[in-house]
Every structure is written in structure tokens, then in C-alpha cells.
Amino acid sequence: MTFFTEQPVTAADKTFFQLRKDIVEGDVAAGSKLSETELSTKYAVSRAVVREAINRLEASHLVERKANVGARVVTLTPEGLVELYQVRESLEGMAARLAAQNMTDDEIVDLQSLLNSHFDKVQSGQTYYQEAGDVDFHYRIILGSKNKHLISMLTDGIYHLVRMYRVQLGMSGPRVTTAFDEHKHIVQAICNRDAELAEMLMRRHILYSKSSIENKLNL
């Protein structure tokens, strides 16, 4: 079960989703200028459709506008990472606390099953953090908070910018195993309905993730 597959309704939706994917995955480079003319040719749509997509991406914090420069993809920086992960640590910590209180027993069983399905990937040394499964893990806990305002702030606000850092600077090597172990402990705390521990473990997990990405940015 995957929660984050969005279905495009219009040509504008389709262009927005594709451009967002290309930015998150680095096919459209961080820091690059966005040309409506070039993008309209690339995606075979009108400039008006591209303009709408860029406006929506600006609201998702993936695009920024500067005077005399126009629209650019955000640049991945150590400073931007710190600010983003300070917010993420606080909000996702709160989400884990609320999930421990509000997730149904069936939702917790599903979360545990999802984690079990990741085990083989981790064992084989795959880049776990670049896979949709890891995103789905965090997304399920966010939804499990059952707090509509929190869900909106995380999924509509910073979700895809977080993904951009994680996909392009994804973890590999020993961090894959330790991150998976951190996930296991978070799920156990949620299973035990230990809200305080779930929040603490999630905040610590995100801090460790930030440090790992920060090291790559500073190379």
C-alpha cells in the first residue's frame, strides 16, 4: 500500500508532477534557471501550463524567484539543510508522538509489515533512502498522527524539498543499516503506545540523517 501516488487530473497536473519529479531526482539540476520556452518544448505543453507548474513548485519550496533572474530551482546548501531539518525534526517528532496515540492497531500492523518488507533491501546493501519505501514509512507515520494541520504542513509544505535532499544526497554504506535500525525502534515505540519515546527516537533519527547529508554537502 502506497500513500503518495498522486493521479494527474489535467495536462497541467501531469506537467507539474513530471517537473517536480525531475527536480527532486536531479534531472533538472539544483540551482538551474527555469525557462518557460525550453520546458514547454521539453514537455510538449504551452508556456501557460509550464508557468502554472512553476508557480505550484514555488509553493512547494522547490523553486524560488529572484529579481532580474526569474525562476530557479532551489540550491541544496548546508544552511538550507539545517533550517529544513530543524523544522522537520520538530514536526515529525510531533507526528510520531501523535501516531503512537492515534494509529489504529491495524495501521500499526501495516507499518510493521512495511518495515519487514524493507529488510531484504537493507541486507543487500541497496540505497534504502532513495527508495519510495522509506518515504512511505515516514509518510504513514505523518498520516497516523491524524492531525490535519500537521499533515498539511509536512506533506504539502516541505515534503518534496526533504525528498530532494534525501534522493540527491541519499545515504549508503553503514548509514543504511543504522537508519533501518532506527526505524525499527520507532515502530516498536509506536507499537507500545509510548508517545514520549516515539517522539524522542524520531527526532534523534532525523538529527542523524541531517548529519549524514550535511557531511556529503560539505565534501
N, C-alpha and C. Protein backbone atom coordinates (compact mmCIF):
# COMPACT_ATOMS: atom_id res chain seq x y z
N MET A 1 0.84 -1.19 0.00
CA MET A 1 0.00 0.00 0.00
C MET A 1 0.88 1.24 0.00
N THR A 2 0.66 2.14 -0.94
CA THR A 2 1.46 3.34 -1.04
C THR A 2 0.55 4.55 -1.04
N PHE A 3 0.90 5.53 -0.21
CA PHE A 3 0.02 6.67 0.00
C PHE A 3 0.32 7.85 -0.90
N PHE A 4 1.50 7.88 -1.52
CA PHE A 4 1.91 9.13 -2.12
C PHE A 4 1.84 9.11 -3.64
N THR A 5 1.11 8.16 -4.23
CA THR A 5 0.91 8.17 -5.67
C THR A 5 -0.25 9.09 -6.00
N GLU A 6 0.05 10.22 -6.63
CA GLU A 6 -0.98 11.18 -6.99
C GLU A 6 -1.36 10.96 -8.44
N GLN A 7 -2.62 11.08 -8.72
CA GLN A 7 -3.10 10.87 -10.08
C GLN A 7 -3.32 12.22 -10.77
N PRO A 8 -2.63 12.46 -11.88
CA PRO A 8 -2.84 13.72 -12.59
C PRO A 8 -4.25 13.79 -13.16
N VAL A 9 -4.87 14.94 -13.00
CA VAL A 9 -6.24 15.13 -13.49
C VAL A 9 -6.23 15.86 -14.82
N THR A 10 -5.35 16.84 -14.94
CA THR A 10 -5.28 17.66 -16.16
C THR A 10 -3.87 17.62 -16.73
N ALA A 11 -3.71 18.23 -17.91
CA ALA A 11 -2.38 18.34 -18.52
C ALA A 11 -1.46 19.16 -17.61
N ALA A 12 -2.03 20.16 -16.93
CA ALA A 12 -1.24 20.98 -16.00
C ALA A 12 -0.75 20.15 -14.83
N ASP A 13 -1.62 19.26 -14.32
CA ASP A 13 -1.22 18.37 -13.23
C ASP A 13 -0.07 17.48 -13.68
N LYS A 14 -0.22 16.91 -14.87
CA LYS A 14 0.78 15.98 -15.39
C LYS A 14 2.14 16.67 -15.53
N THR A 15 2.13 17.90 -16.03
CA THR A 15 3.36 18.65 -16.19
C THR A 15 3.97 18.99 -14.83
N PHE A 16 3.13 19.39 -13.90
CA PHE A 16 3.59 19.71 -12.55
C PHE A 16 4.24 18.50 -11.90
N PHE A 17 3.60 17.34 -11.96
CA PHE A 17 4.15 16.13 -11.35
C PHE A 17 5.47 15.73 -11.99
N GLN A 18 5.54 15.84 -13.34
CA GLN A 18 6.75 15.43 -14.04
C GLN A 18 7.91 16.37 -13.73
N LEU A 19 7.63 17.68 -13.74
CA LEU A 19 8.69 18.65 -13.45
C LEU A 19 9.15 18.51 -11.99
N ARG A 20 8.20 18.29 -11.10
CA ARG A 20 8.56 18.09 -9.70
C ARG A 20 9.45 16.85 -9.54
N LYS A 21 9.10 15.77 -10.21
CA LYS A 21 9.90 14.55 -10.16
C LYS A 21 11.30 14.81 -10.71
N ASP A 22 11.38 15.53 -11.82
CA ASP A 22 12.67 15.80 -12.45
C ASP A 22 13.56 16.67 -11.56
N ILE A 23 12.94 17.59 -10.82
CA ILE A 23 13.70 18.44 -9.89
C ILE A 23 14.16 17.62 -8.69
N VAL A 24 13.24 16.87 -8.09
CA VAL A 24 13.58 16.08 -6.90
C VAL A 24 14.69 15.10 -7.20
N GLU A 25 14.65 14.47 -8.38
CA GLU A 25 15.62 13.43 -8.72
C GLU A 25 16.89 13.99 -9.37
N GLY A 26 16.92 15.31 -9.59
CA GLY A 26 18.13 15.93 -10.11
C GLY A 26 18.25 15.95 -11.61
N ASP A 27 17.21 15.51 -12.33
CA ASP A 27 17.25 15.58 -13.80
C ASP A 27 17.21 17.04 -14.26
N VAL A 28 16.51 17.87 -13.50
CA VAL A 28 16.62 19.32 -13.66
C VAL A 28 17.47 19.78 -12.48
N ALA A 29 18.65 20.27 -12.75
CA ALA A 29 19.67 20.46 -11.72
C ALA A 29 19.30 21.52 -10.69
N ALA A 30 19.69 21.27 -9.45
CA ALA A 30 19.53 22.26 -8.39
C ALA A 30 20.25 23.53 -8.79
N GLY A 31 19.60 24.67 -8.55
CA GLY A 31 20.20 25.96 -8.87
C GLY A 31 20.02 26.41 -10.30
N SER A 32 19.47 25.54 -11.17
CA SER A 32 19.35 25.90 -12.58
C SER A 32 18.18 26.82 -12.85
N LYS A 33 18.32 27.66 -13.85
CA LYS A 33 17.26 28.58 -14.24
C LYS A 33 16.19 27.82 -15.02
N LEU A 34 14.93 28.17 -14.78
CA LEU A 34 13.82 27.50 -15.46
C LEU A 34 13.31 28.39 -16.59
N SER A 35 13.46 27.91 -17.80
CA SER A 35 12.99 28.64 -18.97
C SER A 35 11.63 28.09 -19.40
N GLU A 36 10.63 28.96 -19.39
CA GLU A 36 9.29 28.52 -19.82
C GLU A 36 9.31 28.00 -21.24
N THR A 37 10.08 28.64 -22.10
CA THR A 37 10.13 28.23 -23.51
C THR A 37 10.75 26.83 -23.64
N GLU A 38 11.87 26.63 -22.98
CA GLU A 38 12.55 25.33 -23.07
C GLU A 38 11.71 24.22 -22.45
N LEU A 39 11.08 24.51 -21.32
CA LEU A 39 10.27 23.49 -20.65
C LEU A 39 9.00 23.18 -21.43
N SER A 40 8.43 24.18 -22.07
CA SER A 40 7.22 23.93 -22.87
C SER A 40 7.53 23.01 -24.04
N THR A 41 8.75 23.14 -24.59
CA THR A 41 9.19 22.24 -25.67
C THR A 41 9.46 20.84 -25.12
N LYS A 42 10.15 20.79 -23.98
CA LYS A 42 10.52 19.51 -23.38
C LYS A 42 9.29 18.67 -23.03
N TYR A 43 8.27 19.31 -22.47
CA TYR A 43 7.09 18.57 -22.00
C TYR A 43 5.92 18.64 -22.99
N ALA A 44 6.15 19.32 -24.12
CA ALA A 44 5.13 19.42 -25.18
C ALA A 44 3.81 20.00 -24.67
N VAL A 45 3.93 21.10 -23.96
CA VAL A 45 2.75 21.81 -23.44
C VAL A 45 2.96 23.30 -23.67
N SER A 46 1.92 24.08 -23.40
CA SER A 46 2.02 25.52 -23.59
C SER A 46 2.84 26.17 -22.48
N ARG A 47 3.29 27.38 -22.74
CA ARG A 47 4.05 28.12 -21.71
C ARG A 47 3.16 28.43 -20.51
N ALA A 48 1.88 28.61 -20.76
CA ALA A 48 0.95 28.89 -19.66
C ALA A 48 0.89 27.71 -18.69
N VAL A 49 0.90 26.50 -19.25
CA VAL A 49 0.89 25.29 -18.41
C VAL A 49 2.18 25.20 -17.60
N VAL A 50 3.31 25.49 -18.25
CA VAL A 50 4.60 25.47 -17.56
C VAL A 50 4.62 26.53 -16.46
N ARG A 51 4.09 27.72 -16.76
CA ARG A 51 4.07 28.80 -15.77
C ARG A 51 3.28 28.39 -14.54
N GLU A 52 2.16 27.72 -14.76
CA GLU A 52 1.35 27.24 -13.63
C GLU A 52 2.13 26.21 -12.80
N ALA A 53 2.82 25.31 -13.48
CA ALA A 53 3.61 24.29 -12.77
C ALA A 53 4.70 24.94 -11.93
N ILE A 54 5.37 25.93 -12.49
CA ILE A 54 6.44 26.63 -11.77
C ILE A 54 5.87 27.34 -10.54
N ASN A 55 4.71 27.96 -10.68
CA ASN A 55 4.08 28.63 -9.55
C ASN A 55 3.76 27.63 -8.43
N ARG A 56 3.27 26.47 -8.82
CA ARG A 56 2.94 25.44 -7.82
C ARG A 56 4.21 24.91 -7.14
N LEU A 57 5.28 24.81 -7.91
CA LEU A 57 6.55 24.34 -7.35
C LEU A 57 7.16 25.36 -6.41
N GLU A 58 6.89 26.62 -6.67
CA GLU A 58 7.35 27.68 -5.76
C GLU A 58 6.65 27.53 -4.40
N ALA A 59 5.37 27.19 -4.43
CA ALA A 59 4.62 26.98 -3.20
C ALA A 59 5.13 25.76 -2.44
N SER A 60 5.75 24.80 -3.16
CA SER A 60 6.32 23.60 -2.53
C SER A 60 7.77 23.80 -2.11
N HIS A 61 8.29 25.03 -2.30
CA HIS A 61 9.65 25.39 -1.90
C HIS A 61 10.73 24.72 -2.74
N LEU A 62 10.35 24.24 -3.93
CA LEU A 62 11.34 23.64 -4.82
C LEU A 62 11.88 24.66 -5.82
N VAL A 63 11.18 25.74 -5.97
CA VAL A 63 11.55 26.80 -6.91
C VAL A 63 11.52 28.13 -6.18
N GLU A 64 12.46 29.00 -6.53
CA GLU A 64 12.47 30.34 -5.95
C GLU A 64 12.60 31.37 -7.07
N ARG A 65 12.04 32.54 -6.83
CA ARG A 65 12.14 33.63 -7.81
C ARG A 65 13.00 34.74 -7.23
N LYS A 66 13.88 35.29 -8.08
CA LYS A 66 14.72 36.40 -7.66
C LYS A 66 14.63 37.51 -8.70
N ALA A 67 14.67 38.74 -8.20
CA ALA A 67 14.57 39.90 -9.09
C ALA A 67 15.69 39.85 -10.14
N ASN A 68 15.30 40.13 -11.37
CA ASN A 68 16.23 40.18 -12.51
C ASN A 68 16.86 38.83 -12.86
N VAL A 69 16.36 37.77 -12.21
CA VAL A 69 16.88 36.44 -12.51
C VAL A 69 15.76 35.53 -13.01
N GLY A 70 14.59 35.62 -12.36
CA GLY A 70 13.47 34.76 -12.71
C GLY A 70 13.41 33.54 -11.82
N ALA A 71 12.76 32.50 -12.32
CA ALA A 71 12.57 31.28 -11.52
C ALA A 71 13.77 30.36 -11.64
N ARG A 72 14.22 29.89 -10.49
CA ARG A 72 15.32 28.93 -10.43
C ARG A 72 14.96 27.79 -9.50
N VAL A 73 15.51 26.61 -9.78
CA VAL A 73 15.40 25.50 -8.83
C VAL A 73 16.22 25.88 -7.60
N VAL A 74 15.73 25.53 -6.43
CA VAL A 74 16.47 25.85 -5.21
C VAL A 74 17.83 25.17 -5.23
N THR A 75 18.77 25.77 -4.55
CA THR A 75 20.10 25.20 -4.41
C THR A 75 20.17 24.43 -3.09
N LEU A 76 20.78 23.27 -3.13
CA LEU A 76 20.93 22.47 -1.91
C LEU A 76 22.18 22.95 -1.17
N THR A 77 21.98 23.53 0.00
CA THR A 77 23.08 24.10 0.76
C THR A 77 23.08 23.58 2.19
N PRO A 78 24.23 23.61 2.86
CA PRO A 78 24.26 23.22 4.28
C PRO A 78 23.32 24.07 5.13
N GLU A 79 23.25 25.36 4.84
CA GLU A 79 22.39 26.26 5.61
C GLU A 79 20.92 25.92 5.40
N GLY A 80 20.56 25.67 4.14
CA GLY A 80 19.18 25.31 3.83
C GLY A 80 18.80 23.98 4.46
N LEU A 81 19.75 23.05 4.48
CA LEU A 81 19.51 21.74 5.09
C LEU A 81 19.24 21.89 6.59
N VAL A 82 20.06 22.68 7.26
CA VAL A 82 19.90 22.87 8.71
C VAL A 82 18.53 23.45 9.03
N GLU A 83 18.14 24.50 8.30
CA GLU A 83 16.85 25.13 8.56
C GLU A 83 15.69 24.17 8.30
N LEU A 84 15.78 23.44 7.18
CA LEU A 84 14.73 22.50 6.82
C LEU A 84 14.60 21.38 7.86
N TYR A 85 15.74 20.84 8.27
CA TYR A 85 15.70 19.70 9.19
C TYR A 85 15.39 20.12 10.63
N GLN A 86 15.60 21.37 10.98
CA GLN A 86 15.13 21.86 12.28
C GLN A 86 13.60 21.78 12.32
N VAL A 87 12.97 22.21 11.24
CA VAL A 87 11.51 22.15 11.15
C VAL A 87 11.04 20.71 11.09
N ARG A 88 11.73 19.91 10.28
CA ARG A 88 11.34 18.51 10.11
C ARG A 88 11.46 17.74 11.43
N GLU A 89 12.55 17.98 12.15
CA GLU A 89 12.75 17.29 13.43
C GLU A 89 11.60 17.57 14.38
N SER A 90 11.21 18.82 14.47
CA SER A 90 10.14 19.21 15.39
C SER A 90 8.80 18.63 14.96
N LEU A 91 8.46 18.81 13.67
CA LEU A 91 7.13 18.39 13.20
C LEU A 91 7.00 16.87 13.11
N GLU A 92 8.02 16.19 12.61
CA GLU A 92 7.92 14.73 12.51
C GLU A 92 8.05 14.08 13.89
N GLY A 93 8.77 14.73 14.80
CA GLY A 93 8.78 14.25 16.18
C GLY A 93 7.38 14.30 16.76
N MET A 94 6.69 15.41 16.52
CA MET A 94 5.30 15.54 16.98
C MET A 94 4.40 14.51 16.31
N ALA A 95 4.63 14.27 15.01
CA ALA A 95 3.83 13.27 14.29
C ALA A 95 4.00 11.88 14.89
N ALA A 96 5.23 11.53 15.25
CA ALA A 96 5.48 10.21 15.86
C ALA A 96 4.79 10.10 17.21
N ARG A 97 4.84 11.18 18.00
CA ARG A 97 4.15 11.19 19.29
C ARG A 97 2.65 10.96 19.10
N LEU A 98 2.06 11.69 18.17
CA LEU A 98 0.62 11.56 17.94
C LEU A 98 0.27 10.22 17.32
N ALA A 99 1.16 9.69 16.46
CA ALA A 99 0.91 8.39 15.84
C ALA A 99 0.84 7.29 16.90
N ALA A 100 1.71 7.39 17.91
CA ALA A 100 1.69 6.40 18.99
C ALA A 100 0.37 6.44 19.76
N GLN A 101 -0.25 7.59 19.77
CA GLN A 101 -1.52 7.75 20.47
C GLN A 101 -2.72 7.43 19.59
N ASN A 102 -2.60 7.71 18.27
CA ASN A 102 -3.79 7.74 17.43
C ASN A 102 -3.87 6.67 16.34
N MET A 103 -2.76 6.02 15.99
CA MET A 103 -2.84 4.99 14.94
C MET A 103 -3.67 3.82 15.44
N THR A 104 -4.44 3.23 14.53
CA THR A 104 -5.21 2.04 14.91
C THR A 104 -4.27 0.84 14.98
N ASP A 105 -4.72 -0.21 15.61
CA ASP A 105 -3.90 -1.43 15.69
C ASP A 105 -3.59 -1.96 14.29
N ASP A 106 -4.56 -1.89 13.39
CA ASP A 106 -4.35 -2.38 12.02
C ASP A 106 -3.31 -1.54 11.29
N GLU A 107 -3.34 -0.23 11.51
CA GLU A 107 -2.36 0.65 10.86
C GLU A 107 -0.95 0.36 11.38
N ILE A 108 -0.84 0.05 12.64
CA ILE A 108 0.47 -0.29 13.21
C ILE A 108 0.97 -1.61 12.64
N VAL A 109 0.08 -2.57 12.49
CA VAL A 109 0.45 -3.85 11.87
C VAL A 109 0.95 -3.62 10.44
N ASP A 110 0.26 -2.76 9.70
CA ASP A 110 0.68 -2.45 8.33
C ASP A 110 2.05 -1.77 8.32
N LEU A 111 2.28 -0.88 9.28
CA LEU A 111 3.56 -0.19 9.37
C LEU A 111 4.68 -1.19 9.66
N GLN A 112 4.42 -2.13 10.53
CA GLN A 112 5.39 -3.17 10.84
C GLN A 112 5.66 -4.04 9.61
N SER A 113 4.61 -4.36 8.87
CA SER A 113 4.76 -5.17 7.65
C SER A 113 5.60 -4.44 6.61
N LEU A 114 5.38 -3.13 6.49
CA LEU A 114 6.16 -2.32 5.55
C LEU A 114 7.64 -2.38 5.92
N LEU A 115 7.92 -2.25 7.21
CA LEU A 115 9.31 -2.28 7.67
C LEU A 115 9.93 -3.65 7.39
N ASN A 116 9.16 -4.70 7.61
CA ASN A 116 9.67 -6.06 7.34
C ASN A 116 10.02 -6.23 5.86
N SER A 117 9.22 -5.60 5.00
CA SER A 117 9.46 -5.72 3.55
C SER A 117 10.74 -5.00 3.13
N HIS A 118 11.21 -4.07 3.97
CA HIS A 118 12.44 -3.34 3.65
C HIS A 118 13.70 -4.12 4.03
N PHE A 119 13.52 -5.15 4.83
CA PHE A 119 14.68 -5.84 5.39
C PHE A 119 15.62 -6.38 4.31
N ASP A 120 15.04 -7.00 3.28
CA ASP A 120 15.87 -7.57 2.21
C ASP A 120 16.67 -6.50 1.48
N LYS A 121 16.06 -5.32 1.29
CA LYS A 121 16.77 -4.23 0.63
C LYS A 121 17.98 -3.81 1.44
N VAL A 122 17.78 -3.70 2.73
CA VAL A 122 18.87 -3.28 3.60
C VAL A 122 19.98 -4.34 3.61
N GLN A 123 19.57 -5.60 3.67
CA GLN A 123 20.54 -6.70 3.70
C GLN A 123 21.39 -6.74 2.43
N SER A 124 20.79 -6.37 1.31
CA SER A 124 21.51 -6.42 0.04
C SER A 124 22.32 -5.16 -0.23
N GLY A 125 22.24 -4.20 0.71
CA GLY A 125 23.07 -3.00 0.60
C GLY A 125 22.53 -1.96 -0.36
N GLN A 126 21.25 -2.03 -0.70
CA GLN A 126 20.66 -1.03 -1.59
C GLN A 126 20.59 0.33 -0.90
N THR A 127 20.49 1.39 -1.72
CA THR A 127 20.39 2.73 -1.16
C THR A 127 18.95 2.95 -0.69
N TYR A 128 18.69 2.43 0.48
CA TYR A 128 17.36 2.40 1.08
C TYR A 128 16.68 3.77 1.07
N TYR A 129 17.44 4.82 1.34
CA TYR A 129 16.85 6.14 1.48
C TYR A 129 16.45 6.76 0.17
N GLN A 130 16.88 6.17 -0.94
CA GLN A 130 16.44 6.70 -2.23
C GLN A 130 15.20 5.97 -2.73
N GLU A 131 14.79 4.96 -2.02
CA GLU A 131 13.64 4.19 -2.46
C GLU A 131 12.34 4.77 -1.89
N ALA A 132 11.25 4.54 -2.61
CA ALA A 132 9.96 5.06 -2.17
C ALA A 132 9.54 4.49 -0.82
N GLY A 133 10.02 3.29 -0.51
CA GLY A 133 9.62 2.65 0.74
C GLY A 133 9.94 3.47 1.97
N ASP A 134 11.12 4.10 1.97
CA ASP A 134 11.48 4.91 3.12
C ASP A 134 10.58 6.13 3.23
N VAL A 135 10.31 6.74 2.09
CA VAL A 135 9.39 7.87 2.08
C VAL A 135 8.03 7.44 2.61
N ASP A 136 7.59 6.26 2.16
CA ASP A 136 6.30 5.73 2.58
C ASP A 136 6.27 5.51 4.09
N PHE A 137 7.38 5.06 4.67
CA PHE A 137 7.46 4.82 6.11
C PHE A 137 7.18 6.11 6.88
N HIS A 138 7.88 7.18 6.51
CA HIS A 138 7.67 8.46 7.19
C HIS A 138 6.28 9.00 6.92
N TYR A 139 5.82 8.81 5.68
CA TYR A 139 4.51 9.33 5.28
C TYR A 139 3.40 8.66 6.09
N ARG A 140 3.53 7.38 6.32
CA ARG A 140 2.49 6.66 7.08
C ARG A 140 2.42 7.16 8.52
N ILE A 141 3.58 7.45 9.10
CA ILE A 141 3.59 7.96 10.47
C ILE A 141 2.97 9.36 10.51
N ILE A 142 3.29 10.17 9.50
CA ILE A 142 2.68 11.50 9.42
C ILE A 142 1.16 11.39 9.35
N LEU A 143 0.68 10.52 8.46
CA LEU A 143 -0.78 10.34 8.34
C LEU A 143 -1.35 9.75 9.63
N GLY A 144 -0.57 8.90 10.30
CA GLY A 144 -1.02 8.27 11.53
C GLY A 144 -1.20 9.24 12.68
N SER A 145 -0.63 10.44 12.54
CA SER A 145 -0.82 11.46 13.58
C SER A 145 -2.28 11.88 13.69
N LYS A 146 -3.01 11.76 12.56
CA LYS A 146 -4.43 12.13 12.48
C LYS A 146 -4.67 13.62 12.74
N ASN A 147 -3.61 14.42 12.62
CA ASN A 147 -3.73 15.86 12.81
C ASN A 147 -3.67 16.53 11.43
N LYS A 148 -4.80 17.06 10.98
CA LYS A 148 -4.90 17.56 9.61
C LYS A 148 -3.93 18.72 9.34
N HIS A 149 -3.76 19.60 10.30
CA HIS A 149 -2.86 20.74 10.09
C HIS A 149 -1.41 20.27 9.98
N LEU A 150 -1.04 19.35 10.83
CA LEU A 150 0.33 18.81 10.81
C LEU A 150 0.59 18.06 9.50
N ILE A 151 -0.37 17.26 9.08
CA ILE A 151 -0.25 16.51 7.83
C ILE A 151 -0.06 17.46 6.66
N SER A 152 -0.85 18.54 6.62
CA SER A 152 -0.75 19.51 5.54
C SER A 152 0.61 20.21 5.54
N MET A 153 1.08 20.61 6.74
CA MET A 153 2.37 21.30 6.82
C MET A 153 3.51 20.41 6.33
N LEU A 154 3.44 19.13 6.62
CA LEU A 154 4.52 18.22 6.25
C LEU A 154 4.40 17.73 4.81
N THR A 155 3.21 17.40 4.37
CA THR A 155 3.08 16.80 3.03
C THR A 155 2.95 17.85 1.93
N ASP A 156 2.26 18.94 2.20
CA ASP A 156 2.10 19.98 1.18
C ASP A 156 3.22 21.01 1.26
N GLY A 157 3.79 21.18 2.46
CA GLY A 157 4.76 22.24 2.66
C GLY A 157 6.18 21.84 2.32
N ILE A 158 6.79 20.95 3.13
CA ILE A 158 8.23 20.69 2.98
C ILE A 158 8.55 19.29 2.46
N TYR A 159 7.53 18.47 2.26
CA TYR A 159 7.72 17.05 1.94
C TYR A 159 8.67 16.83 0.75
N HIS A 160 8.41 17.51 -0.36
CA HIS A 160 9.19 17.24 -1.57
C HIS A 160 10.57 17.89 -1.52
N LEU A 161 10.71 18.97 -0.76
CA LEU A 161 12.04 19.54 -0.58
C LEU A 161 12.90 18.60 0.26
N VAL A 162 12.31 18.01 1.28
CA VAL A 162 13.01 16.98 2.06
C VAL A 162 13.42 15.84 1.14
N ARG A 163 12.50 15.40 0.30
CA ARG A 163 12.81 14.31 -0.64
C ARG A 163 13.96 14.68 -1.56
N MET A 164 14.02 15.94 -1.98
CA MET A 164 15.08 16.38 -2.89
C MET A 164 16.44 16.21 -2.24
N TYR A 165 16.57 16.63 -0.99
CA TYR A 165 17.83 16.44 -0.27
C TYR A 165 18.14 14.95 -0.12
N ARG A 166 17.12 14.17 0.23
CA ARG A 166 17.36 12.76 0.53
C ARG A 166 17.68 11.95 -0.73
N VAL A 167 16.98 12.25 -1.82
CA VAL A 167 17.22 11.48 -3.06
C VAL A 167 18.59 11.82 -3.65
N GLN A 168 18.91 13.13 -3.70
CA GLN A 168 20.15 13.53 -4.36
C GLN A 168 21.38 13.32 -3.49
N LEU A 169 21.17 13.28 -2.18
CA LEU A 169 22.30 13.06 -1.27
C LEU A 169 22.02 11.85 -0.39
N GLY A 170 21.36 10.86 -1.00
CA GLY A 170 20.87 9.70 -0.27
C GLY A 170 21.97 8.94 0.43
N MET A 171 21.57 8.24 1.48
CA MET A 171 22.54 7.56 2.30
C MET A 171 22.86 6.17 1.75
N SER A 172 24.09 5.78 1.98
CA SER A 172 24.53 4.45 1.57
C SER A 172 25.54 3.97 2.60
N GLY A 173 26.03 2.75 2.42
CA GLY A 173 27.02 2.23 3.35
C GLY A 173 26.42 1.98 4.73
N PRO A 174 27.21 2.19 5.78
CA PRO A 174 26.77 1.87 7.14
C PRO A 174 25.51 2.62 7.57
N ARG A 175 25.31 3.83 7.04
CA ARG A 175 24.14 4.62 7.45
C ARG A 175 22.84 3.92 7.08
N VAL A 176 22.85 3.13 6.00
CA VAL A 176 21.64 2.41 5.61
C VAL A 176 21.17 1.49 6.74
N THR A 177 22.09 0.72 7.29
CA THR A 177 21.75 -0.23 8.35
C THR A 177 21.33 0.49 9.62
N THR A 178 22.06 1.53 10.00
CA THR A 178 21.71 2.23 11.24
C THR A 178 20.37 2.93 11.11
N ALA A 179 20.09 3.49 9.94
CA ALA A 179 18.80 4.17 9.73
C ALA A 179 17.65 3.16 9.82
N PHE A 180 17.86 1.99 9.23
CA PHE A 180 16.83 0.96 9.31
C PHE A 180 16.60 0.54 10.76
N ASP A 181 17.66 0.40 11.53
CA ASP A 181 17.52 0.05 12.95
C ASP A 181 16.76 1.14 13.71
N GLU A 182 17.02 2.39 13.36
CA GLU A 182 16.29 3.50 13.99
C GLU A 182 14.79 3.41 13.66
N HIS A 183 14.48 3.06 12.42
CA HIS A 183 13.08 2.86 12.04
C HIS A 183 12.43 1.78 12.90
N LYS A 184 13.16 0.68 13.10
CA LYS A 184 12.62 -0.43 13.90
C LYS A 184 12.27 0.03 15.31
N HIS A 185 13.15 0.81 15.92
CA HIS A 185 12.92 1.26 17.28
C HIS A 185 11.75 2.25 17.36
N ILE A 186 11.60 3.07 16.33
CA ILE A 186 10.46 4.00 16.28
C ILE A 186 9.15 3.21 16.21
N VAL A 187 9.13 2.20 15.34
CA VAL A 187 7.91 1.39 15.21
C VAL A 187 7.60 0.67 16.52
N GLN A 188 8.63 0.17 17.19
CA GLN A 188 8.41 -0.52 18.46
C GLN A 188 7.80 0.42 19.49
N ALA A 189 8.29 1.64 19.53
CA ALA A 189 7.73 2.62 20.47
C ALA A 189 6.27 2.92 20.15
N ILE A 190 5.96 3.01 18.85
CA ILE A 190 4.57 3.25 18.45
C ILE A 190 3.71 2.05 18.82
N CYS A 191 4.24 0.83 18.58
CA CYS A 191 3.52 -0.40 18.96
C CYS A 191 3.21 -0.42 20.46
N ASN A 192 4.16 0.08 21.25
CA ASN A 192 3.99 0.09 22.70
C ASN A 192 3.17 1.28 23.19
N ARG A 193 2.74 2.12 22.24
CA ARG A 193 1.96 3.32 22.58
C ARG A 193 2.75 4.25 23.51
N ASP A 194 4.08 4.23 23.33
CA ASP A 194 4.95 5.09 24.13
C ASP A 194 5.21 6.37 23.34
N ALA A 195 4.34 7.33 23.51
CA ALA A 195 4.38 8.55 22.71
C ALA A 195 5.65 9.35 22.93
N GLU A 196 6.07 9.45 24.18
CA GLU A 196 7.26 10.24 24.50
C GLU A 196 8.51 9.63 23.86
N LEU A 197 8.65 8.32 23.95
CA LEU A 197 9.80 7.65 23.35
C LEU A 197 9.76 7.73 21.83
N ALA A 198 8.58 7.57 21.25
CA ALA A 198 8.45 7.65 19.78
C ALA A 198 8.91 9.01 19.28
N GLU A 199 8.53 10.06 19.99
CA GLU A 199 8.95 11.41 19.57
C GLU A 199 10.46 11.56 19.71
N MET A 200 11.01 11.12 20.82
CA MET A 200 12.44 11.26 21.04
C MET A 200 13.25 10.51 19.98
N LEU A 201 12.82 9.28 19.67
CA LEU A 201 13.54 8.47 18.69
C LEU A 201 13.43 9.06 17.29
N MET A 202 12.27 9.59 16.94
CA MET A 202 12.11 10.20 15.62
C MET A 202 12.98 11.45 15.50
N ARG A 203 12.99 12.27 16.53
CA ARG A 203 13.82 13.48 16.49
C ARG A 203 15.30 13.12 16.36
N ARG A 204 15.73 12.11 17.10
CA ARG A 204 17.12 11.68 17.04
C ARG A 204 17.44 11.11 15.65
N HIS A 205 16.53 10.33 15.10
CA HIS A 205 16.70 9.75 13.77
C HIS A 205 16.90 10.84 12.71
N ILE A 206 16.10 11.88 12.79
CA ILE A 206 16.20 12.96 11.81
C ILE A 206 17.48 13.76 12.00
N LEU A 207 17.90 13.93 13.24
CA LEU A 207 19.18 14.59 13.51
C LEU A 207 20.35 13.81 12.90
N TYR A 208 20.33 12.49 13.06
CA TYR A 208 21.39 11.66 12.49
C TYR A 208 21.37 11.74 10.95
N SER A 209 20.17 11.75 10.39
CA SER A 209 20.05 11.84 8.93
C SER A 209 20.60 13.17 8.43
N LYS A 210 20.28 14.24 9.16
CA LYS A 210 20.79 15.57 8.80
C LYS A 210 22.31 15.57 8.80
N SER A 211 22.90 15.00 9.83
CA SER A 211 24.37 14.99 9.92
C SER A 211 24.99 14.24 8.76
N SER A 212 24.37 13.14 8.35
CA SER A 212 24.89 12.34 7.25
C SER A 212 24.84 13.13 5.94
N ILE A 213 23.71 13.80 5.68
CA ILE A 213 23.58 14.59 4.46
C ILE A 213 24.52 15.79 4.50
N GLU A 214 24.63 16.40 5.67
CA GLU A 214 25.49 17.58 5.84
C GLU A 214 26.93 17.23 5.49
N ASN A 215 27.37 16.05 5.89
CA ASN A 215 28.74 15.62 5.59
C ASN A 215 28.96 15.54 4.08
N LYS A 216 27.95 15.08 3.35
CA LYS A 216 28.08 14.97 1.89
C LYS A 216 28.09 16.35 1.24
N LEU A 217 27.27 17.27 1.78
CA LEU A 217 27.22 18.62 1.23
C LEU A 217 28.55 19.36 1.42
N ASN A 218 29.23 19.03 2.49
CA ASN A 218 30.48 19.73 2.83
C ASN A 218 31.71 19.12 2.19
N LEU A 219 31.52 18.03 1.45
CA LEU A 219 32.66 17.39 0.80
C LEU A 219 33.22 18.27 -0.31
